[in-house]
Amino acid sequence: MAKDEASPARTAIIEEWDAWAKKHPEKIKVAGGMLFFNYLQNKRTDLLLDFKSPGDKWQVIHSWLLREGKVKS
């Protein structure tokens, strides 16, 4: 298991995805999760601040969603 797979930040993001996806089923397949990331930027900045990333946070979150099978590339 990779280090980030067990992180509290990753768990919180995946849980938020699940809650968001239930409220917005029509948006879950749009742009590989980009609408979800925009939601995080606008409404849940606390979650984005909960983890440090040497790179682009979108790429990190997108990779988490891909690994969980939540989105397709």
N, C-alpha and C. Protein backbone atom coordinates (compact mmCIF):
# COMPACT_ATOMS: atom_id res chain seq x y z
N MET A 1 0.85 -1.18 0.00
CA MET A 1 0.00 0.00 0.00
C MET A 1 0.89 1.24 0.00
N ALA A 2 0.63 2.14 -0.88
CA ALA A 2 1.40 3.38 -0.96
C ALA A 2 1.10 4.25 0.24
N LYS A 3 2.06 5.10 0.58
CA LYS A 3 1.94 5.95 1.76
C LYS A 3 0.66 6.78 1.76
N ASP A 4 0.32 7.41 0.63
CA ASP A 4 -0.85 8.30 0.58
C ASP A 4 -2.17 7.54 0.66
N GLU A 5 -2.15 6.24 0.40
CA GLU A 5 -3.41 5.48 0.41
C GLU A 5 -4.01 5.37 1.80
N ALA A 6 -3.21 5.53 2.84
CA ALA A 6 -3.72 5.41 4.19
C ALA A 6 -3.83 6.76 4.88
N SER A 7 -3.52 7.83 4.19
CA SER A 7 -3.50 9.14 4.83
C SER A 7 -4.90 9.61 5.20
N PRO A 8 -5.00 10.33 6.31
CA PRO A 8 -6.30 10.90 6.70
C PRO A 8 -6.85 11.86 5.64
N ALA A 9 -5.97 12.60 4.99
CA ALA A 9 -6.43 13.54 3.95
C ALA A 9 -7.05 12.78 2.79
N ARG A 10 -6.43 11.70 2.37
CA ARG A 10 -6.96 10.90 1.26
C ARG A 10 -8.31 10.31 1.65
N THR A 11 -8.40 9.79 2.86
CA THR A 11 -9.67 9.22 3.33
C THR A 11 -10.76 10.28 3.34
N ALA A 12 -10.43 11.47 3.82
CA ALA A 12 -11.42 12.56 3.88
C ALA A 12 -11.87 12.97 2.48
N ILE A 13 -10.95 13.02 1.53
CA ILE A 13 -11.30 13.41 0.15
C ILE A 13 -12.21 12.34 -0.46
N ILE A 14 -11.88 11.08 -0.28
CA ILE A 14 -12.71 10.01 -0.85
C ILE A 14 -14.09 10.01 -0.20
N GLU A 15 -14.17 10.23 1.10
CA GLU A 15 -15.47 10.30 1.77
C GLU A 15 -16.27 11.49 1.26
N GLU A 16 -15.60 12.61 1.03
CA GLU A 16 -16.28 13.79 0.50
C GLU A 16 -16.78 13.52 -0.91
N TRP A 17 -15.97 12.82 -1.71
CA TRP A 17 -16.40 12.44 -3.06
C TRP A 17 -17.70 11.64 -3.00
N ASP A 18 -17.72 10.66 -2.11
CA ASP A 18 -18.90 9.80 -2.01
C ASP A 18 -20.15 10.62 -1.66
N ALA A 19 -20.02 11.54 -0.73
CA ALA A 19 -21.15 12.38 -0.34
C ALA A 19 -21.55 13.32 -1.48
N TRP A 20 -20.56 13.92 -2.12
CA TRP A 20 -20.81 14.85 -3.23
C TRP A 20 -21.45 14.11 -4.41
N ALA A 21 -20.94 12.92 -4.71
CA ALA A 21 -21.46 12.14 -5.84
C ALA A 21 -22.92 11.75 -5.65
N LYS A 22 -23.31 11.47 -4.41
CA LYS A 22 -24.71 11.13 -4.13
C LYS A 22 -25.63 12.33 -4.40
N LYS A 23 -25.13 13.52 -4.10
CA LYS A 23 -25.92 14.74 -4.31
C LYS A 23 -25.92 15.18 -5.77
N HIS A 24 -24.88 14.81 -6.51
CA HIS A 24 -24.70 15.27 -7.89
C HIS A 24 -24.39 14.12 -8.84
N PRO A 25 -25.28 13.14 -8.96
CA PRO A 25 -24.97 11.98 -9.79
C PRO A 25 -24.75 12.33 -11.26
N GLU A 26 -25.35 13.41 -11.71
CA GLU A 26 -25.19 13.82 -13.11
C GLU A 26 -23.80 14.39 -13.38
N LYS A 27 -23.05 14.74 -12.34
CA LYS A 27 -21.75 15.38 -12.52
C LYS A 27 -20.57 14.44 -12.30
N ILE A 28 -20.82 13.24 -11.83
CA ILE A 28 -19.69 12.41 -11.41
C ILE A 28 -18.80 11.92 -12.55
N LYS A 29 -19.32 11.90 -13.75
CA LYS A 29 -18.51 11.42 -14.87
C LYS A 29 -17.96 12.53 -15.74
N VAL A 30 -18.16 13.76 -15.32
CA VAL A 30 -17.71 14.90 -16.12
C VAL A 30 -16.25 15.22 -15.84
N ALA A 31 -15.46 15.21 -16.86
CA ALA A 31 -14.06 15.64 -16.82
C ALA A 31 -13.22 14.94 -15.76
N GLY A 32 -13.47 13.66 -15.53
CA GLY A 32 -12.64 12.89 -14.62
C GLY A 32 -12.57 13.41 -13.21
N GLY A 33 -13.62 14.04 -12.76
CA GLY A 33 -13.65 14.54 -11.39
C GLY A 33 -13.31 16.02 -11.25
N MET A 34 -13.10 16.71 -12.35
CA MET A 34 -12.73 18.12 -12.28
C MET A 34 -13.83 18.96 -11.61
N LEU A 35 -15.10 18.64 -11.83
CA LEU A 35 -16.16 19.40 -11.16
C LEU A 35 -16.08 19.20 -9.64
N PHE A 36 -15.72 18.01 -9.22
CA PHE A 36 -15.53 17.75 -7.79
C PHE A 36 -14.37 18.57 -7.26
N PHE A 37 -13.29 18.61 -7.99
CA PHE A 37 -12.13 19.40 -7.56
C PHE A 37 -12.51 20.88 -7.47
N ASN A 38 -13.28 21.37 -8.43
CA ASN A 38 -13.74 22.76 -8.37
C ASN A 38 -14.59 22.99 -7.14
N TYR A 39 -15.44 22.01 -6.82
CA TYR A 39 -16.24 22.08 -5.60
C TYR A 39 -15.33 22.19 -4.37
N LEU A 40 -14.28 21.38 -4.32
CA LEU A 40 -13.36 21.44 -3.20
C LEU A 40 -12.71 22.82 -3.10
N GLN A 41 -12.31 23.36 -4.23
CA GLN A 41 -11.67 24.68 -4.24
C GLN A 41 -12.62 25.77 -3.75
N ASN A 42 -13.89 25.65 -4.08
CA ASN A 42 -14.84 26.71 -3.74
C ASN A 42 -15.55 26.51 -2.41
N LYS A 43 -15.80 25.27 -2.04
CA LYS A 43 -16.63 25.00 -0.86
C LYS A 43 -15.92 24.26 0.27
N ARG A 44 -14.86 23.54 -0.04
CA ARG A 44 -14.20 22.71 0.97
C ARG A 44 -12.69 22.93 0.96
N THR A 45 -12.29 24.18 0.99
CA THR A 45 -10.86 24.48 0.98
C THR A 45 -10.15 23.85 2.17
N ASP A 46 -10.90 23.63 3.26
CA ASP A 46 -10.31 22.97 4.43
C ASP A 46 -9.73 21.60 4.07
N LEU A 47 -10.40 20.88 3.21
CA LEU A 47 -9.90 19.56 2.80
C LEU A 47 -8.65 19.69 1.95
N LEU A 48 -8.59 20.70 1.11
CA LEU A 48 -7.40 20.89 0.27
C LEU A 48 -6.21 21.33 1.11
N LEU A 49 -6.46 22.01 2.19
CA LEU A 49 -5.37 22.47 3.05
C LEU A 49 -4.87 21.37 3.98
N ASP A 50 -5.63 20.27 4.08
CA ASP A 50 -5.28 19.19 4.99
C ASP A 50 -4.12 18.32 4.52
N PHE A 51 -3.70 18.47 3.31
CA PHE A 51 -2.57 17.67 2.88
C PHE A 51 -1.58 18.50 2.09
N LYS A 52 -0.33 18.10 2.23
CA LYS A 52 0.75 18.78 1.50
C LYS A 52 1.10 17.93 0.30
N SER A 53 1.36 18.61 -0.77
CA SER A 53 1.71 17.90 -2.00
C SER A 53 2.83 18.66 -2.68
N PRO A 54 3.86 17.95 -3.10
CA PRO A 54 4.95 18.64 -3.80
C PRO A 54 4.53 19.10 -5.19
N GLY A 55 3.41 18.61 -5.66
CA GLY A 55 2.95 18.94 -7.01
C GLY A 55 1.55 19.50 -7.00
N ASP A 56 0.90 19.35 -8.10
CA ASP A 56 -0.44 19.84 -8.32
C ASP A 56 -1.45 19.01 -7.53
N LYS A 57 -2.22 19.65 -6.66
CA LYS A 57 -3.20 18.92 -5.86
C LYS A 57 -4.27 18.25 -6.72
N TRP A 58 -4.61 18.85 -7.85
CA TRP A 58 -5.57 18.21 -8.75
C TRP A 58 -5.04 16.85 -9.18
N GLN A 59 -3.77 16.79 -9.54
CA GLN A 59 -3.20 15.52 -9.98
C GLN A 59 -3.23 14.48 -8.87
N VAL A 60 -2.95 14.90 -7.66
CA VAL A 60 -2.96 13.97 -6.52
C VAL A 60 -4.38 13.45 -6.29
N ILE A 61 -5.34 14.36 -6.21
CA ILE A 61 -6.73 13.96 -5.96
C ILE A 61 -7.26 13.12 -7.11
N HIS A 62 -6.95 13.50 -8.32
CA HIS A 62 -7.39 12.72 -9.49
C HIS A 62 -6.83 11.30 -9.42
N SER A 63 -5.57 11.17 -9.04
CA SER A 63 -4.98 9.83 -8.95
C SER A 63 -5.67 9.01 -7.85
N TRP A 64 -6.04 9.64 -6.74
CA TRP A 64 -6.77 8.93 -5.68
C TRP A 64 -8.12 8.44 -6.21
N LEU A 65 -8.82 9.33 -6.91
CA LEU A 65 -10.13 8.96 -7.45
C LEU A 65 -10.01 7.84 -8.49
N LEU A 66 -8.98 7.91 -9.30
CA LEU A 66 -8.74 6.84 -10.28
C LEU A 66 -8.49 5.51 -9.59
N ARG A 67 -7.62 5.50 -8.59
CA ARG A 67 -7.28 4.26 -7.89
C ARG A 67 -8.49 3.64 -7.19
N GLU A 68 -9.42 4.49 -6.76
CA GLU A 68 -10.62 4.01 -6.10
C GLU A 68 -11.70 3.60 -7.10
N GLY A 69 -11.46 3.85 -8.38
CA GLY A 69 -12.45 3.54 -9.39
C GLY A 69 -13.62 4.51 -9.40
N LYS A 70 -13.42 5.69 -8.84
CA LYS A 70 -14.48 6.70 -8.77
C LYS A 70 -14.64 7.43 -10.09
N VAL A 71 -13.53 7.58 -10.83
CA VAL A 71 -13.54 8.26 -12.13
C VAL A 71 -12.72 7.44 -13.12
N LYS A 72 -12.88 7.79 -14.36
CA LYS A 72 -12.04 7.21 -15.41
C LYS A 72 -11.18 8.33 -15.96
N SER A 73 -10.02 7.96 -16.44
CA SER A 73 -9.10 8.99 -16.95
C SER A 73 -9.59 9.58 -18.20
